[in-house]
Amino acid sequence: MSGPQEHLNREIKLLIIEALGLEDISADDIGDDQTLFSEGLGLDSVDALELGLAIQKRYGIKIDADAKDTRNHFTSVASLAAFVTAKQAA
């Protein structure tokens, strides 16, 4: 069963792959709750900037890089999807 949250999660996974040029993995290789940085998917701070820009452009939302909770939103696909949903509803 696939609802709007699952759809957004998949869309974000595809965006991560596209924005960061990760040709060797597919959306199915990324878990919704898998850590995106360090031991998880292994993304770094440059990847975070690229991903932040891609998300702002795709979803038309503003991300404050200096806000202390921004890092928490980039923890996993699920947290990123929740952040996007909340920003779009605001």
PDB file of N, CA and C in Angstrom:
ATOM      1  N   MET A   1       0.840  -1.170   0.000  1.00  0.00           N
ATOM      2  CA  MET A   1       0.000   0.000   0.000  1.00  0.00           C
ATOM      3  C   MET A   1       0.896   1.248   0.000  1.00  0.00           C
ATOM      4  N   SER A   2       0.657   2.128  -0.935  1.00  0.00           N
ATOM      5  CA  SER A   2       1.517   3.281  -1.091  1.00  0.00           C
ATOM      6  C   SER A   2       0.715   4.570  -0.938  1.00  0.00           C
ATOM      7  N   GLY A   3       1.048   5.335   0.089  1.00  0.00           N
ATOM      8  CA  GLY A   3       0.350   6.591   0.334  1.00  0.00           C
ATOM      9  C   GLY A   3       1.232   7.767  -0.039  1.00  0.00           C
ATOM     10  N   PRO A   4       0.785   8.976   0.276  1.00  0.00           N
ATOM     11  CA  PRO A   4       1.554  10.175  -0.066  1.00  0.00           C
ATOM     12  C   PRO A   4       2.937  10.203   0.581  1.00  0.00           C
ATOM     13  N   GLN A   5       3.056   9.667   1.819  1.00  0.00           N
ATOM     14  CA  GLN A   5       4.351   9.664   2.495  1.00  0.00           C
ATOM     15  C   GLN A   5       5.347   8.751   1.781  1.00  0.00           C
ATOM     16  N   GLU A   6       4.884   7.576   1.376  1.00  0.00           N
ATOM     17  CA  GLU A   6       5.757   6.647   0.662  1.00  0.00           C
ATOM     18  C   GLU A   6       6.186   7.244  -0.671  1.00  0.00           C
ATOM     19  N   HIS A   7       5.256   7.929  -1.319  1.00  0.00           N
ATOM     20  CA  HIS A   7       5.555   8.561  -2.604  1.00  0.00           C
ATOM     21  C   HIS A   7       6.623   9.646  -2.426  1.00  0.00           C
ATOM     22  N   LEU A   8       6.463  10.475  -1.394  1.00  0.00           N
ATOM     23  CA  LEU A   8       7.431  11.533  -1.132  1.00  0.00           C
ATOM     24  C   LEU A   8       8.786  10.946  -0.747  1.00  0.00           C
ATOM     25  N   ASN A   9       8.792   9.892   0.057  1.00  0.00           N
ATOM     26  CA  ASN A   9      10.055   9.238   0.424  1.00  0.00           C
ATOM     27  C   ASN A   9      10.800   8.785  -0.829  1.00  0.00           C
ATOM     28  N   ARG A  10      10.077   8.136  -1.747  1.00  0.00           N
ATOM     29  CA  ARG A  10      10.707   7.651  -2.987  1.00  0.00           C
ATOM     30  C   ARG A  10      11.207   8.818  -3.832  1.00  0.00           C
ATOM     31  N   GLU A  11      10.416   9.872  -3.900  1.00  0.00           N
ATOM     32  CA  GLU A  11      10.804  11.056  -4.672  1.00  0.00           C
ATOM     33  C   GLU A  11      12.104  11.651  -4.115  1.00  0.00           C
ATOM     34  N   ILE A  12      12.211  11.710  -2.793  1.00  0.00           N
ATOM     35  CA  ILE A  12      13.414  12.255  -2.153  1.00  0.00           C
ATOM     36  C   ILE A  12      14.617  11.338  -2.399  1.00  0.00           C
ATOM     37  N   LYS A  13      14.410  10.039  -2.365  1.00  0.00           N
ATOM     38  CA  LYS A  13      15.502   9.106  -2.658  1.00  0.00           C
ATOM     39  C   LYS A  13      16.022   9.337  -4.075  1.00  0.00           C
ATOM     40  N   LEU A  14      15.109   9.487  -5.024  1.00  0.00           N
ATOM     41  CA  LEU A  14      15.509   9.727  -6.408  1.00  0.00           C
ATOM     42  C   LEU A  14      16.219  11.071  -6.535  1.00  0.00           C
ATOM     43  N   LEU A  15      15.768  12.059  -5.773  1.00  0.00           N
ATOM     44  CA  LEU A  15      16.411  13.367  -5.777  1.00  0.00           C
ATOM     45  C   LEU A  15      17.834  13.276  -5.227  1.00  0.00           C
ATOM     46  N   ILE A  16      18.023  12.510  -4.161  1.00  0.00           N
ATOM     47  CA  ILE A  16      19.359  12.308  -3.582  1.00  0.00           C
ATOM     48  C   ILE A  16      20.283  11.692  -4.629  1.00  0.00           C
ATOM     49  N   ILE A  17      19.819  10.658  -5.285  1.00  0.00           N
ATOM     50  CA  ILE A  17      20.617   9.957  -6.293  1.00  0.00           C
ATOM     51  C   ILE A  17      20.970  10.893  -7.447  1.00  0.00           C
ATOM     52  N   GLU A  18      19.971  11.645  -7.918  1.00  0.00           N
ATOM     53  CA  GLU A  18      20.167  12.558  -9.042  1.00  0.00           C
ATOM     54  C   GLU A  18      21.072  13.738  -8.670  1.00  0.00           C
ATOM     55  N   ALA A  19      20.778  14.385  -7.546  1.00  0.00           N
ATOM     56  CA  ALA A  19      21.526  15.576  -7.136  1.00  0.00           C
ATOM     57  C   ALA A  19      22.986  15.265  -6.819  1.00  0.00           C
ATOM     58  N   LEU A  20      23.245  14.073  -6.288  1.00  0.00           N
ATOM     59  CA  LEU A  20      24.599  13.732  -5.853  1.00  0.00           C
ATOM     60  C   LEU A  20      25.319  12.809  -6.824  1.00  0.00           C
ATOM     61  N   GLY A  21      24.669  12.491  -7.948  1.00  0.00           N
ATOM     62  CA  GLY A  21      25.312  11.650  -8.961  1.00  0.00           C
ATOM     63  C   GLY A  21      25.666  10.263  -8.468  1.00  0.00           C
ATOM     64  N   LEU A  22      24.779   9.651  -7.693  1.00  0.00           N
ATOM     65  CA  LEU A  22      25.036   8.315  -7.149  1.00  0.00           C
ATOM     66  C   LEU A  22      24.503   7.243  -8.101  1.00  0.00           C
ATOM     67  N   GLU A  23      25.153   7.099  -9.258  1.00  0.00           N
ATOM     68  CA  GLU A  23      24.650   6.193 -10.278  1.00  0.00           C
ATOM     69  C   GLU A  23      24.673   4.726  -9.868  1.00  0.00           C
ATOM     70  N   ASP A  24      25.509   4.377  -8.891  1.00  0.00           N
ATOM     71  CA  ASP A  24      25.674   2.970  -8.523  1.00  0.00           C
ATOM     72  C   ASP A  24      24.638   2.463  -7.525  1.00  0.00           C
ATOM     73  N   ILE A  25      23.695   3.320  -7.104  1.00  0.00           N
ATOM     74  CA  ILE A  25      22.644   2.836  -6.210  1.00  0.00           C
ATOM     75  C   ILE A  25      21.275   3.229  -6.744  1.00  0.00           C
ATOM     76  N   SER A  26      20.265   2.479  -6.315  1.00  0.00           N
ATOM     77  CA  SER A  26      18.893   2.783  -6.726  1.00  0.00           C
ATOM     78  C   SER A  26      18.103   3.229  -5.501  1.00  0.00           C
ATOM     79  N   ALA A  27      16.900   3.754  -5.735  1.00  0.00           N
ATOM     80  CA  ALA A  27      16.049   4.205  -4.637  1.00  0.00           C
ATOM     81  C   ALA A  27      15.775   3.054  -3.665  1.00  0.00           C
ATOM     82  N   ASP A  28      15.683   1.834  -4.189  1.00  0.00           N
ATOM     83  CA  ASP A  28      15.411   0.667  -3.340  1.00  0.00           C
ATOM     84  C   ASP A  28      16.573   0.340  -2.410  1.00  0.00           C
ATOM     85  N   ASP A  29      17.768   0.860  -2.723  1.00  0.00           N
ATOM     86  CA  ASP A  29      18.944   0.609  -1.888  1.00  0.00           C
ATOM     87  C   ASP A  29      18.993   1.521  -0.665  1.00  0.00           C
ATOM     88  N   ILE A  30      18.149   2.555  -0.647  1.00  0.00           N
ATOM     89  CA  ILE A  30      18.159   3.522   0.449  1.00  0.00           C
ATOM     90  C   ILE A  30      16.941   3.276   1.340  1.00  0.00           C
ATOM     91  N   GLY A  31      17.177   2.962   2.602  1.00  0.00           N
ATOM     92  CA  GLY A  31      16.078   2.740   3.545  1.00  0.00           C
ATOM     93  C   GLY A  31      15.495   4.069   4.003  1.00  0.00           C
ATOM     94  N   ASP A  32      14.195   4.095   4.272  1.00  0.00           N
ATOM     95  CA  ASP A  32      13.529   5.323   4.711  1.00  0.00           C
ATOM     96  C   ASP A  32      14.157   5.890   5.980  1.00  0.00           C
ATOM     97  N   ASP A  33      14.586   5.017   6.874  1.00  0.00           N
ATOM     98  CA  ASP A  33      15.153   5.451   8.151  1.00  0.00           C
ATOM     99  C   ASP A  33      16.663   5.284   8.221  1.00  0.00           C
ATOM    100  N   GLN A  34      17.278   4.934   7.102  1.00  0.00           N
ATOM    101  CA  GLN A  34      18.739   4.774   7.058  1.00  0.00           C
ATOM    102  C   GLN A  34      19.393   6.142   7.258  1.00  0.00           C
ATOM    103  N   THR A  35      20.453   6.185   8.074  1.00  0.00           N
ATOM    104  CA  THR A  35      21.196   7.419   8.278  1.00  0.00           C
ATOM    105  C   THR A  35      21.842   7.827   6.955  1.00  0.00           C
ATOM    106  N   LEU A  36      21.683   9.092   6.579  1.00  0.00           N
ATOM    107  CA  LEU A  36      22.232   9.548   5.296  1.00  0.00           C
ATOM    108  C   LEU A  36      23.714   9.890   5.384  1.00  0.00           C
ATOM    109  N   PHE A  37      24.169  10.300   6.566  1.00  0.00           N
ATOM    110  CA  PHE A  37      25.554  10.738   6.711  1.00  0.00           C
ATOM    111  C   PHE A  37      26.378   9.738   7.503  1.00  0.00           C
ATOM    112  N   SER A  38      27.682   9.917   7.476  1.00  0.00           N
ATOM    113  CA  SER A  38      28.674   9.073   8.138  1.00  0.00           C
ATOM    114  C   SER A  38      28.437   7.589   7.896  1.00  0.00           C
ATOM    115  N   GLU A  39      28.136   6.831   8.940  1.00  0.00           N
ATOM    116  CA  GLU A  39      28.095   5.364   8.786  1.00  0.00           C
ATOM    117  C   GLU A  39      26.946   4.858   7.916  1.00  0.00           C
ATOM    118  N   GLY A  40      25.938   5.646   7.679  1.00  0.00           N
ATOM    119  CA  GLY A  40      24.800   5.202   6.867  1.00  0.00           C
ATOM    120  C   GLY A  40      25.129   5.201   5.392  1.00  0.00           C
ATOM    121  N   LEU A  41      24.532   6.129   4.668  1.00  0.00           N
ATOM    122  CA  LEU A  41      24.766   6.246   3.227  1.00  0.00           C
ATOM    123  C   LEU A  41      26.142   6.824   2.933  1.00  0.00           C
ATOM    124  N   GLY A  42      26.730   7.467   3.937  1.00  0.00           N
ATOM    125  CA  GLY A  42      28.098   7.971   3.800  1.00  0.00           C
ATOM    126  C   GLY A  42      28.209   9.339   3.136  1.00  0.00           C
ATOM    127  N   LEU A  43      27.153  10.124   3.182  1.00  0.00           N
ATOM    128  CA  LEU A  43      27.214  11.459   2.599  1.00  0.00           C
ATOM    129  C   LEU A  43      28.059  12.373   3.484  1.00  0.00           C
ATOM    130  N   ASP A  44      28.595  13.457   2.889  1.00  0.00           N
ATOM    131  CA  ASP A  44      29.409  14.392   3.667  1.00  0.00           C
ATOM    132  C   ASP A  44      28.805  15.793   3.608  1.00  0.00           C
ATOM    133  N   SER A  45      29.510  16.778   4.151  1.00  0.00           N
ATOM    134  CA  SER A  45      28.960  18.137   4.243  1.00  0.00           C
ATOM    135  C   SER A  45      28.737  18.772   2.871  1.00  0.00           C
ATOM    136  N   VAL A  46      29.587  18.456   1.905  1.00  0.00           N
ATOM    137  CA  VAL A  46      29.389  18.973   0.545  1.00  0.00           C
ATOM    138  C   VAL A  46      28.100  18.383  -0.031  1.00  0.00           C
ATOM    139  N   ASP A  47      27.893  17.092   0.209  1.00  0.00           N
ATOM    140  CA  ASP A  47      26.653  16.443  -0.241  1.00  0.00           C
ATOM    141  C   ASP A  47      25.440  17.107   0.409  1.00  0.00           C
ATOM    142  N   ALA A  48      25.565  17.493   1.679  1.00  0.00           N
ATOM    143  CA  ALA A  48      24.461  18.124   2.387  1.00  0.00           C
ATOM    144  C   ALA A  48      24.085  19.447   1.730  1.00  0.00           C
ATOM    145  N   LEU A  49      25.086  20.212   1.335  1.00  0.00           N
ATOM    146  CA  LEU A  49      24.821  21.483   0.653  1.00  0.00           C
ATOM    147  C   LEU A  49      24.118  21.249  -0.680  1.00  0.00           C
ATOM    148  N   GLU A  50      24.640  20.301  -1.458  1.00  0.00           N
ATOM    149  CA  GLU A  50      24.038  19.978  -2.760  1.00  0.00           C
ATOM    150  C   GLU A  50      22.595  19.512  -2.594  1.00  0.00           C
ATOM    151  N   LEU A  51      22.391  18.644  -1.622  1.00  0.00           N
ATOM    152  CA  LEU A  51      21.058  18.101  -1.374  1.00  0.00           C
ATOM    153  C   LEU A  51      20.107  19.200  -0.896  1.00  0.00           C
ATOM    154  N   GLY A  52      20.591  20.072  -0.024  1.00  0.00           N
ATOM    155  CA  GLY A  52      19.776  21.188   0.456  1.00  0.00           C
ATOM    156  C   GLY A  52      19.325  22.085  -0.684  1.00  0.00           C
ATOM    157  N   LEU A  53      20.245  22.389  -1.591  1.00  0.00           N
ATOM    158  CA  LEU A  53      19.909  23.221  -2.751  1.00  0.00           C
ATOM    159  C   LEU A  53      18.893  22.531  -3.649  1.00  0.00           C
ATOM    160  N   ALA A  54      19.091  21.239  -3.877  1.00  0.00           N
ATOM    161  CA  ALA A  54      18.177  20.482  -4.732  1.00  0.00           C
ATOM    162  C   ALA A  54      16.771  20.435  -4.132  1.00  0.00           C
ATOM    163  N   ILE A  55      16.686  20.261  -2.818  1.00  0.00           N
ATOM    164  CA  ILE A  55      15.383  20.205  -2.147  1.00  0.00           C
ATOM    165  C   ILE A  55      14.689  21.565  -2.203  1.00  0.00           C
ATOM    166  N   GLN A  56      15.453  22.626  -1.966  1.00  0.00           N
ATOM    167  CA  GLN A  56      14.868  23.972  -2.044  1.00  0.00           C
ATOM    168  C   GLN A  56      14.313  24.236  -3.439  1.00  0.00           C
ATOM    169  N   LYS A  57      15.074  23.847  -4.453  1.00  0.00           N
ATOM    170  CA  LYS A  57      14.673  24.079  -5.842  1.00  0.00           C
ATOM    171  C   LYS A  57      13.460  23.223  -6.221  1.00  0.00           C
ATOM    172  N   ARG A  58      13.490  21.952  -5.873  1.00  0.00           N
ATOM    173  CA  ARG A  58      12.420  21.028  -6.246  1.00  0.00           C
ATOM    174  C   ARG A  58      11.104  21.352  -5.546  1.00  0.00           C
ATOM    175  N   TYR A  59      11.179  21.648  -4.250  1.00  0.00           N
ATOM    176  CA  TYR A  59       9.949  21.817  -3.462  1.00  0.00           C
ATOM    177  C   TYR A  59       9.598  23.267  -3.158  1.00  0.00           C
ATOM    178  N   GLY A  60      10.438  24.200  -3.600  1.00  0.00           N
ATOM    179  CA  GLY A  60      10.143  25.608  -3.394  1.00  0.00           C
ATOM    180  C   GLY A  60      10.078  26.020  -1.942  1.00  0.00           C
ATOM    181  N   ILE A  61      10.938  25.413  -1.125  1.00  0.00           N
ATOM    182  CA  ILE A  61      10.963  25.757   0.297  1.00  0.00           C
ATOM    183  C   ILE A  61      12.305  26.377   0.654  1.00  0.00           C
ATOM    184  N   LYS A  62      12.339  27.089   1.752  1.00  0.00           N
ATOM    185  CA  LYS A  62      13.576  27.724   2.221  1.00  0.00           C
ATOM    186  C   LYS A  62      14.148  26.894   3.360  1.00  0.00           C
ATOM    187  N   ILE A  63      15.443  26.606   3.263  1.00  0.00           N
ATOM    188  CA  ILE A  63      16.126  25.867   4.326  1.00  0.00           C
ATOM    189  C   ILE A  63      17.155  26.807   4.943  1.00  0.00           C
ATOM    190  N   ASP A  64      17.059  27.017   6.247  1.00  0.00           N
ATOM    191  CA  ASP A  64      18.006  27.858   6.963  1.00  0.00           C
ATOM    192  C   ASP A  64      19.176  26.981   7.414  1.00  0.00           C
ATOM    193  N   ALA A  65      20.291  27.086   6.702  1.00  0.00           N
ATOM    194  CA  ALA A  65      21.456  26.241   6.994  1.00  0.00           C
ATOM    195  C   ALA A  65      22.025  26.485   8.384  1.00  0.00           C
ATOM    196  N   ASP A  66      21.761  27.654   8.940  1.00  0.00           N
ATOM    197  CA  ASP A  66      22.307  27.992  10.251  1.00  0.00           C
ATOM    198  C   ASP A  66      21.403  27.588  11.418  1.00  0.00           C
ATOM    199  N   ALA A  67      20.171  27.195  11.108  1.00  0.00           N
ATOM    200  CA  ALA A  67      19.252  26.792  12.179  1.00  0.00           C
ATOM    201  C   ALA A  67      19.768  25.493  12.801  1.00  0.00           C
ATOM    202  N   LYS A  68      19.733  25.442  14.141  1.00  0.00           N
ATOM    203  CA  LYS A  68      20.325  24.276  14.808  1.00  0.00           C
ATOM    204  C   LYS A  68      19.573  22.977  14.545  1.00  0.00           C
ATOM    205  N   ASP A  69      18.278  23.058  14.177  1.00  0.00           N
ATOM    206  CA  ASP A  69      17.530  21.823  13.931  1.00  0.00           C
ATOM    207  C   ASP A  69      17.620  21.349  12.480  1.00  0.00           C
ATOM    208  N   THR A  70      18.237  22.137  11.610  1.00  0.00           N
ATOM    209  CA  THR A  70      18.337  21.761  10.198  1.00  0.00           C
ATOM    210  C   THR A  70      19.061  20.420  10.032  1.00  0.00           C
ATOM    211  N   ARG A  71      20.128  20.250  10.774  1.00  0.00           N
ATOM    212  CA  ARG A  71      20.898  19.001  10.686  1.00  0.00           C
ATOM    213  C   ARG A  71      20.024  17.774  11.001  1.00  0.00           C
ATOM    214  N   ASN A  72      19.114  17.924  11.963  1.00  0.00           N
ATOM    215  CA  ASN A  72      18.221  16.814  12.324  1.00  0.00           C
ATOM    216  C   ASN A  72      17.286  16.436  11.184  1.00  0.00           C
ATOM    217  N   HIS A  73      16.872  17.424  10.393  1.00  0.00           N
ATOM    218  CA  HIS A  73      15.975  17.151   9.266  1.00  0.00           C
ATOM    219  C   HIS A  73      16.659  16.319   8.187  1.00  0.00           C
ATOM    220  N   PHE A  74      17.975  16.390   8.125  1.00  0.00           N
ATOM    221  CA  PHE A  74      18.734  15.671   7.104  1.00  0.00           C
ATOM    222  C   PHE A  74      19.246  14.316   7.590  1.00  0.00           C
ATOM    223  N   THR A  75      18.685  13.824   8.682  1.00  0.00           N
ATOM    224  CA  THR A  75      19.138  12.560   9.251  1.00  0.00           C
ATOM    225  C   THR A  75      18.826  11.374   8.347  1.00  0.00           C
ATOM    226  N   SER A  76      17.604  11.330   7.820  1.00  0.00           N
ATOM    227  CA  SER A  76      17.164  10.199   6.993  1.00  0.00           C
ATOM    228  C   SER A  76      16.162  10.694   5.959  1.00  0.00           C
ATOM    229  N   VAL A  77      15.802   9.806   5.050  1.00  0.00           N
ATOM    230  CA  VAL A  77      14.788  10.125   4.039  1.00  0.00           C
ATOM    231  C   VAL A  77      13.464  10.451   4.724  1.00  0.00           C
ATOM    232  N   ALA A  78      13.097   9.670   5.734  1.00  0.00           N
ATOM    233  CA  ALA A  78      11.828   9.883   6.438  1.00  0.00           C
ATOM    234  C   ALA A  78      11.796  11.251   7.119  1.00  0.00           C
ATOM    235  N   SER A  79      12.898  11.663   7.762  1.00  0.00           N
ATOM    236  CA  SER A  79      12.922  12.965   8.431  1.00  0.00           C
ATOM    237  C   SER A  79      12.923  14.105   7.418  1.00  0.00           C
ATOM    238  N   LEU A  80      13.566  13.888   6.289  1.00  0.00           N
ATOM    239  CA  LEU A  80      13.573  14.881   5.222  1.00  0.00           C
ATOM    240  C   LEU A  80      12.174  15.047   4.630  1.00  0.00           C
ATOM    241  N   ALA A  81      11.478  13.937   4.431  1.00  0.00           N
ATOM    242  CA  ALA A  81      10.110  13.972   3.902  1.00  0.00           C
ATOM    243  C   ALA A  81       9.183  14.702   4.871  1.00  0.00           C
ATOM    244  N   ALA A  82       9.334  14.447   6.164  1.00  0.00           N
ATOM    245  CA  ALA A  82       8.503  15.119   7.163  1.00  0.00           C
ATOM    246  C   ALA A  82       8.773  16.616   7.168  1.00  0.00           C
ATOM    247  N   PHE A  83      10.045  16.991   7.017  1.00  0.00           N
ATOM    248  CA  PHE A  83      10.438  18.387   6.969  1.00  0.00           C
ATOM    249  C   PHE A  83       9.821  19.084   5.746  1.00  0.00           C
ATOM    250  N   VAL A  84       9.920  18.465   4.590  1.00  0.00           N
ATOM    251  CA  VAL A  84       9.354  19.011   3.359  1.00  0.00           C
ATOM    252  C   VAL A  84       7.836  19.190   3.506  1.00  0.00           C
ATOM    253  N   THR A  85       7.170  18.181   4.032  1.00  0.00           N
ATOM    254  CA  THR A  85       5.717  18.233   4.233  1.00  0.00           C
ATOM    255  C   THR A  85       5.352  19.385   5.163  1.00  0.00           C
ATOM    256  N   ALA A  86       6.080  19.539   6.269  1.00  0.00           N
ATOM    257  CA  ALA A  86       5.792  20.603   7.234  1.00  0.00           C
ATOM    258  C   ALA A  86       6.048  21.981   6.618  1.00  0.00           C
ATOM    259  N   LYS A  87       7.127  22.128   5.865  1.00  0.00           N
ATOM    260  CA  LYS A  87       7.453  23.409   5.250  1.00  0.00           C
ATOM    261  C   LYS A  87       6.410  23.794   4.205  1.00  0.00           C
ATOM    262  N   GLN A  88       5.939  22.814   3.427  1.00  0.00           N
ATOM    263  CA  GLN A  88       4.951  23.101   2.392  1.00  0.00           C
ATOM    264  C   GLN A  88       3.609  23.467   3.006  1.00  0.00           C
ATOM    265  N   ALA A  89       3.312  22.941   4.179  1.00  0.00           N
ATOM    266  CA  ALA A  89       2.040  23.209   4.846  1.00  0.00           C
ATOM    267  C   ALA A  89       2.055  24.564   5.564  1.00  0.00           C
ATOM    268  N   ALA A  90       3.255  25.049   5.852  1.00  0.00           N
ATOM    269  CA  ALA A  90       3.385  26.309   6.614  1.00  0.00           C
ATOM    270  C   ALA A  90       2.947  27.519   5.805  1.00  0.00           C
TER     271      ALA A  90
END
